[in-house]
Amino acid sequence: MSLPPLVLASTSPHRRGLLTRLGLPFEVVAPGVDETRSYREPVTELVKRLSRAKAEAVAVRYPGALVIGSDQAAERDGEILGKPGDHATAVAQLSASSGKYLKFHTGLCLVDTRDSRRHEHVDVTRVLFRSLTAAEIERYLQAEKPYDCAGSFKSEGLGISLFEGIESSDPSALIGLPLIMLCRFLRECRVALP
């Protein structure tokens, strides 16, 4: 059986880079989904809903394809942290995270448009930050400028130096796309890996 078209419903360069690891041809399409959180929506439900919405928004345009949607949110002491967007917000996020655990919820939805089946998963990764000084935070932000990353760091880069430890069943989930579960879903859709 030939490989159905594979479509990543995302504009994230981090997710694109992760999917490239699998060595499969794929197309990238912006999903155009409103990512506003519903009032009091639990973080797990938020990332699950947005992952599904992204995949389904693109799936209607790609019959016969396997469409991947993903979303991630960071949570600290019950507060959801978004992408900082600027330096001052990143400083505030990292300062407040110093010495604390953060949970990263990464949603995944694979829609098989051939039979309308949805495969869904939410990965939770716990990250323990070191006690960070203002100088360490500033040096890190100047070096990496992670303003487009939830929690204000890139674990795949210099951001790893900010941590005491990581608890995860899938290290790729922290970067933004849980590849272990995605591989399972792809095999269930009869895609040969590796």
C-alpha atoms as a PDB file:
ATOM      1  CA  MET A   1       0.000   0.000   0.000  1.00  0.00           C
ATOM      2  CA  SER A   2       1.358   3.424  -0.898  1.00  0.00           C
ATOM      3  CA  LEU A   3       1.842   6.070   1.763  1.00  0.00           C
ATOM      4  CA  PRO A   4      -1.148   8.421   2.015  1.00  0.00           C
ATOM      5  CA  PRO A   5      -0.251  12.111   1.959  1.00  0.00           C
ATOM      6  CA  LEU A   6       0.925  13.281   5.364  1.00  0.00           C
ATOM      7  CA  VAL A   7       0.004  16.834   6.404  1.00  0.00           C
ATOM      8  CA  LEU A   8       1.191  18.759   9.454  1.00  0.00           C
ATOM      9  CA  ALA A   9      -1.483  21.258  10.527  1.00  0.00           C
ATOM     10  CA  SER A  10       0.950  23.714  12.097  1.00  0.00           C
ATOM     11  CA  THR A  11       3.164  26.679  11.364  1.00  0.00           C
ATOM     12  CA  SER A  12       5.617  25.751  14.168  1.00  0.00           C
ATOM     13  CA  PRO A  13       9.189  25.325  12.942  1.00  0.00           C
ATOM     14  CA  HIS A  14       9.813  23.138  16.026  1.00  0.00           C
ATOM     15  CA  ARG A  15       7.055  20.670  15.063  1.00  0.00           C
ATOM     16  CA  ARG A  16       8.218  20.685  11.449  1.00  0.00           C
ATOM     17  CA  GLY A  17      11.742  19.821  12.593  1.00  0.00           C
ATOM     18  CA  LEU A  18      10.499  16.996  14.805  1.00  0.00           C
ATOM     19  CA  LEU A  19       8.347  15.461  12.064  1.00  0.00           C
ATOM     20  CA  THR A  20      11.320  15.589   9.684  1.00  0.00           C
ATOM     21  CA  ARG A  21      13.060  13.069  11.980  1.00  0.00           C
ATOM     22  CA  LEU A  22      10.682  10.340  10.791  1.00  0.00           C
ATOM     23  CA  GLY A  23      11.992  10.561   7.216  1.00  0.00           C
ATOM     24  CA  LEU A  24       8.513  10.670   5.691  1.00  0.00           C
ATOM     25  CA  PRO A  25       7.438  13.204   3.067  1.00  0.00           C
ATOM     26  CA  PHE A  26       4.906  15.676   4.415  1.00  0.00           C
ATOM     27  CA  GLU A  27       3.272  19.000   3.686  1.00  0.00           C
ATOM     28  CA  VAL A  28       2.865  21.859   6.163  1.00  0.00           C
ATOM     29  CA  VAL A  29      -0.426  23.781   6.225  1.00  0.00           C
ATOM     30  CA  ALA A  30      -1.468  26.611   8.534  1.00  0.00           C
ATOM     31  CA  PRO A  31      -4.663  25.510  10.322  1.00  0.00           C
ATOM     32  CA  GLY A  32      -5.996  29.020  11.014  1.00  0.00           C
ATOM     33  CA  VAL A  33      -7.609  28.012  14.318  1.00  0.00           C
ATOM     34  CA  ASP A  34      -8.578  30.434  17.108  1.00  0.00           C
ATOM     35  CA  GLU A  35      -6.459  29.320  20.074  1.00  0.00           C
ATOM     36  CA  THR A  36      -8.351  31.264  22.743  1.00  0.00           C
ATOM     37  CA  ARG A  37      -8.871  29.316  25.945  1.00  0.00           C
ATOM     38  CA  SER A  38     -12.477  28.790  27.009  1.00  0.00           C
ATOM     39  CA  TYR A  39     -13.374  30.146  30.436  1.00  0.00           C
ATOM     40  CA  ARG A  40     -11.913  27.845  33.117  1.00  0.00           C
ATOM     41  CA  GLU A  41     -11.041  25.201  30.535  1.00  0.00           C
ATOM     42  CA  PRO A  42      -8.617  22.696  32.101  1.00  0.00           C
ATOM     43  CA  VAL A  43      -5.222  22.716  30.425  1.00  0.00           C
ATOM     44  CA  THR A  44      -5.471  19.067  29.319  1.00  0.00           C
ATOM     45  CA  GLU A  45      -8.811  19.751  27.636  1.00  0.00           C
ATOM     46  CA  LEU A  46      -7.419  22.915  26.041  1.00  0.00           C
ATOM     47  CA  VAL A  47      -4.514  21.185  24.289  1.00  0.00           C
ATOM     48  CA  LYS A  48      -6.708  18.238  23.305  1.00  0.00           C
ATOM     49  CA  ARG A  49      -9.378  20.530  21.837  1.00  0.00           C
ATOM     50  CA  LEU A  50      -6.870  22.686  19.951  1.00  0.00           C
ATOM     51  CA  SER A  51      -4.947  19.697  18.579  1.00  0.00           C
ATOM     52  CA  ARG A  52      -8.206  18.240  17.269  1.00  0.00           C
ATOM     53  CA  ALA A  53      -9.397  21.581  15.880  1.00  0.00           C
ATOM     54  CA  LYS A  54      -6.129  22.119  13.993  1.00  0.00           C
ATOM     55  CA  ALA A  55      -6.154  18.630  12.485  1.00  0.00           C
ATOM     56  CA  GLU A  56      -9.831  18.802  11.527  1.00  0.00           C
ATOM     57  CA  ALA A  57      -9.541  22.311  10.023  1.00  0.00           C
ATOM     58  CA  VAL A  58      -6.909  21.047   7.594  1.00  0.00           C
ATOM     59  CA  ALA A  59      -8.403  17.553   7.092  1.00  0.00           C
ATOM     60  CA  VAL A  60     -11.466  18.930   5.289  1.00  0.00           C
ATOM     61  CA  ARG A  61      -9.115  20.280   2.585  1.00  0.00           C
ATOM     62  CA  TYR A  62      -7.058  17.080   2.211  1.00  0.00           C
ATOM     63  CA  PRO A  63      -9.220  14.017   1.505  1.00  0.00           C
ATOM     64  CA  GLY A  64      -7.228  10.781   1.575  1.00  0.00           C
ATOM     65  CA  ALA A  65      -4.552  12.259   3.840  1.00  0.00           C
ATOM     66  CA  LEU A  66      -3.287  11.695   7.361  1.00  0.00           C
ATOM     67  CA  VAL A  67      -3.426  15.067   9.125  1.00  0.00           C
ATOM     68  CA  ILE A  68      -1.489  15.850  12.305  1.00  0.00           C
ATOM     69  CA  GLY A  69      -2.539  18.536  14.775  1.00  0.00           C
ATOM     70  CA  SER A  70      -0.697  19.390  17.977  1.00  0.00           C
ATOM     71  CA  ASP A  71      -0.800  22.010  20.701  1.00  0.00           C
ATOM     72  CA  GLN A  72       1.145  22.631  23.882  1.00  0.00           C
ATOM     73  CA  ALA A  73       0.608  24.600  27.065  1.00  0.00           C
ATOM     74  CA  ALA A  74       2.790  25.014  30.110  1.00  0.00           C
ATOM     75  CA  GLU A  75       1.293  25.021  33.598  1.00  0.00           C
ATOM     76  CA  ARG A  76       2.903  26.353  36.786  1.00  0.00           C
ATOM     77  CA  ASP A  77       1.028  26.193  40.084  1.00  0.00           C
ATOM     78  CA  GLY A  78      -2.267  25.896  38.195  1.00  0.00           C
ATOM     79  CA  GLU A  79      -1.541  28.906  35.950  1.00  0.00           C
ATOM     80  CA  ILE A  80      -1.275  28.403  32.180  1.00  0.00           C
ATOM     81  CA  LEU A  81       1.781  29.985  30.612  1.00  0.00           C
ATOM     82  CA  GLY A  82       1.671  30.893  26.972  1.00  0.00           C
ATOM     83  CA  LYS A  83       4.407  31.915  24.604  1.00  0.00           C
ATOM     84  CA  PRO A  84       6.034  35.014  26.094  1.00  0.00           C
ATOM     85  CA  GLY A  85       6.254  36.987  22.845  1.00  0.00           C
ATOM     86  CA  ASP A  86       8.769  39.470  24.260  1.00  0.00           C
ATOM     87  CA  HIS A  87      11.796  39.780  26.522  1.00  0.00           C
ATOM     88  CA  ALA A  88      10.067  41.256  29.581  1.00  0.00           C
ATOM     89  CA  THR A  89       7.428  38.508  29.664  1.00  0.00           C
ATOM     90  CA  ALA A  90      10.111  35.837  29.243  1.00  0.00           C
ATOM     91  CA  VAL A  91      12.070  37.291  32.184  1.00  0.00           C
ATOM     92  CA  ALA A  92       8.914  37.225  34.313  1.00  0.00           C
ATOM     93  CA  GLN A  93       8.077  33.631  33.313  1.00  0.00           C
ATOM     94  CA  LEU A  94      11.559  32.288  34.019  1.00  0.00           C
ATOM     95  CA  SER A  95      11.863  34.235  37.285  1.00  0.00           C
ATOM     96  CA  ALA A  96       8.563  32.800  38.521  1.00  0.00           C
ATOM     97  CA  SER A  97       9.599  29.291  37.397  1.00  0.00           C
ATOM     98  CA  SER A  98      12.897  29.374  39.290  1.00  0.00           C
ATOM     99  CA  GLY A  99      13.114  26.395  41.663  1.00  0.00           C
ATOM    100  CA  LYS A 100       9.666  25.091  40.666  1.00  0.00           C
ATOM    101  CA  TYR A 101       8.058  22.287  38.709  1.00  0.00           C
ATOM    102  CA  LEU A 102       6.251  23.059  35.462  1.00  0.00           C
ATOM    103  CA  LYS A 103       3.957  20.648  33.645  1.00  0.00           C
ATOM    104  CA  PHE A 104       3.934  20.701  29.856  1.00  0.00           C
ATOM    105  CA  HIS A 105       0.760  19.322  28.301  1.00  0.00           C
ATOM    106  CA  THR A 106       1.269  18.401  24.649  1.00  0.00           C
ATOM    107  CA  GLY A 107      -1.787  17.373  22.668  1.00  0.00           C
ATOM    108  CA  LEU A 108      -1.682  15.239  19.544  1.00  0.00           C
ATOM    109  CA  CYS A 109      -4.451  14.417  17.087  1.00  0.00           C
ATOM    110  CA  LEU A 110      -4.000  12.371  13.929  1.00  0.00           C
ATOM    111  CA  VAL A 111      -7.005  12.385  11.602  1.00  0.00           C
ATOM    112  CA  ASP A 112      -7.147   9.650   8.972  1.00  0.00           C
ATOM    113  CA  THR A 113      -9.420  11.208   6.357  1.00  0.00           C
ATOM    114  CA  ARG A 114      -9.726   7.844   4.546  1.00  0.00           C
ATOM    115  CA  ASP A 115     -11.990   6.490   7.306  1.00  0.00           C
ATOM    116  CA  SER A 116     -12.595   9.609   9.470  1.00  0.00           C
ATOM    117  CA  ARG A 117     -10.868   8.027  12.472  1.00  0.00           C
ATOM    118  CA  ARG A 118      -9.215  10.255  15.056  1.00  0.00           C
ATOM    119  CA  HIS A 119      -6.260   9.139  17.132  1.00  0.00           C
ATOM    120  CA  GLU A 120      -5.725  11.391  20.176  1.00  0.00           C
ATOM    121  CA  HIS A 121      -3.265  11.671  23.037  1.00  0.00           C
ATOM    122  CA  VAL A 122      -2.102  14.200  25.628  1.00  0.00           C
ATOM    123  CA  ASP A 123       1.443  13.844  26.961  1.00  0.00           C
ATOM    124  CA  VAL A 124       2.402  15.410  30.304  1.00  0.00           C
ATOM    125  CA  THR A 125       6.057  16.199  30.942  1.00  0.00           C
ATOM    126  CA  ARG A 126       7.275  17.574  34.289  1.00  0.00           C
ATOM    127  CA  VAL A 127      10.270  19.900  34.326  1.00  0.00           C
ATOM    128  CA  LEU A 128      12.049  21.002  37.503  1.00  0.00           C
ATOM    129  CA  PHE A 129      13.836  24.335  37.110  1.00  0.00           C
ATOM    130  CA  ARG A 130      17.027  25.121  38.995  1.00  0.00           C
ATOM    131  CA  SER A 131      17.057  28.168  41.245  1.00  0.00           C
ATOM    132  CA  LEU A 132      17.913  30.811  38.653  1.00  0.00           C
ATOM    133  CA  THR A 133      19.607  34.149  39.204  1.00  0.00           C
ATOM    134  CA  ALA A 134      18.588  37.255  37.296  1.00  0.00           C
ATOM    135  CA  ALA A 135      21.974  37.193  35.530  1.00  0.00           C
ATOM    136  CA  GLU A 136      21.486  33.565  34.408  1.00  0.00           C
ATOM    137  CA  ILE A 137      18.040  34.346  33.056  1.00  0.00           C
ATOM    138  CA  GLU A 138      19.326  37.379  31.171  1.00  0.00           C
ATOM    139  CA  ARG A 139      22.283  35.472  29.680  1.00  0.00           C
ATOM    140  CA  TYR A 140      19.996  32.662  28.581  1.00  0.00           C
ATOM    141  CA  LEU A 141      17.412  34.954  26.982  1.00  0.00           C
ATOM    142  CA  GLN A 142      20.088  36.958  25.156  1.00  0.00           C
ATOM    143  CA  ALA A 143      21.634  33.744  23.820  1.00  0.00           C
ATOM    144  CA  GLU A 144      18.492  31.925  22.665  1.00  0.00           C
ATOM    145  CA  LYS A 145      15.580  34.408  22.520  1.00  0.00           C
ATOM    146  CA  PRO A 146      12.872  31.730  23.081  1.00  0.00           C
ATOM    147  CA  TYR A 147       9.982  34.177  22.780  1.00  0.00           C
ATOM    148  CA  ASP A 148       7.908  31.784  20.640  1.00  0.00           C
ATOM    149  CA  CYS A 149       8.100  28.896  23.157  1.00  0.00           C
ATOM    150  CA  ALA A 150       5.681  28.141  25.990  1.00  0.00           C
ATOM    151  CA  GLY A 151       7.544  28.593  29.271  1.00  0.00           C
ATOM    152  CA  SER A 152      10.279  30.761  27.688  1.00  0.00           C
ATOM    153  CA  PHE A 153      12.904  28.090  26.927  1.00  0.00           C
ATOM    154  CA  LYS A 154      14.042  25.602  24.294  1.00  0.00           C
ATOM    155  CA  SER A 155      14.904  22.268  25.897  1.00  0.00           C
ATOM    156  CA  GLU A 156      16.491  21.114  22.641  1.00  0.00           C
ATOM    157  CA  GLY A 157      18.975  23.984  22.932  1.00  0.00           C
ATOM    158  CA  LEU A 158      20.650  25.914  25.741  1.00  0.00           C
ATOM    159  CA  GLY A 159      17.408  25.855  27.757  1.00  0.00           C
ATOM    160  CA  ILE A 160      18.416  22.429  29.080  1.00  0.00           C
ATOM    161  CA  SER A 161      20.927  24.255  31.318  1.00  0.00           C
ATOM    162  CA  LEU A 162      18.020  25.793  33.272  1.00  0.00           C
ATOM    163  CA  PHE A 163      16.784  22.432  34.604  1.00  0.00           C
ATOM    164  CA  GLU A 164      17.396  20.156  37.563  1.00  0.00           C
ATOM    165  CA  GLY A 165      15.465  17.350  35.882  1.00  0.00           C
ATOM    166  CA  ILE A 166      12.808  16.207  33.428  1.00  0.00           C
ATOM    167  CA  GLU A 167      10.191  13.483  33.947  1.00  0.00           C
ATOM    168  CA  SER A 168       8.855  12.278  30.604  1.00  0.00           C
ATOM    169  CA  SER A 169       7.820   9.203  28.684  1.00  0.00           C
ATOM    170  CA  ASP A 170       8.586  11.002  25.393  1.00  0.00           C
ATOM    171  CA  PRO A 171      11.315  13.682  25.276  1.00  0.00           C
ATOM    172  CA  SER A 172      10.097  14.965  21.894  1.00  0.00           C
ATOM    173  CA  ALA A 173       6.794  16.005  23.502  1.00  0.00           C
ATOM    174  CA  LEU A 174       8.545  18.766  25.440  1.00  0.00           C
ATOM    175  CA  ILE A 175       9.742  20.229  22.132  1.00  0.00           C
ATOM    176  CA  GLY A 176       6.173  20.230  20.812  1.00  0.00           C
ATOM    177  CA  LEU A 177       5.231  16.948  19.082  1.00  0.00           C
ATOM    178  CA  PRO A 178       5.079  13.558  20.875  1.00  0.00           C
ATOM    179  CA  LEU A 179       6.834  11.409  18.270  1.00  0.00           C
ATOM    180  CA  ILE A 180       6.598   8.107  20.152  1.00  0.00           C
ATOM    181  CA  MET A 181       2.790   8.265  20.209  1.00  0.00           C
ATOM    182  CA  LEU A 182       2.659   9.704  16.684  1.00  0.00           C
ATOM    183  CA  CYS A 183       4.659   6.698  15.446  1.00  0.00           C
ATOM    184  CA  ARG A 184       2.177   4.376  17.148  1.00  0.00           C
ATOM    185  CA  PHE A 185      -0.735   6.188  15.507  1.00  0.00           C
ATOM    186  CA  LEU A 186       0.961   6.088  12.088  1.00  0.00           C
ATOM    187  CA  ARG A 187       1.561   2.324  12.404  1.00  0.00           C
ATOM    188  CA  GLU A 188      -2.142   1.902  13.299  1.00  0.00           C
ATOM    189  CA  CYS A 189      -2.859   3.722  10.000  1.00  0.00           C
ATOM    190  CA  ARG A 190      -0.667   1.164   8.182  1.00  0.00           C
ATOM    191  CA  VAL A 191       2.325   3.473   7.677  1.00  0.00           C
ATOM    192  CA  ALA A 192       5.573   1.472   7.733  1.00  0.00           C
ATOM    193  CA  LEU A 193       8.099   2.865  10.216  1.00  0.00           C
ATOM    194  CA  PRO A 194      11.037   3.118  10.187  1.00  0.00           C
END
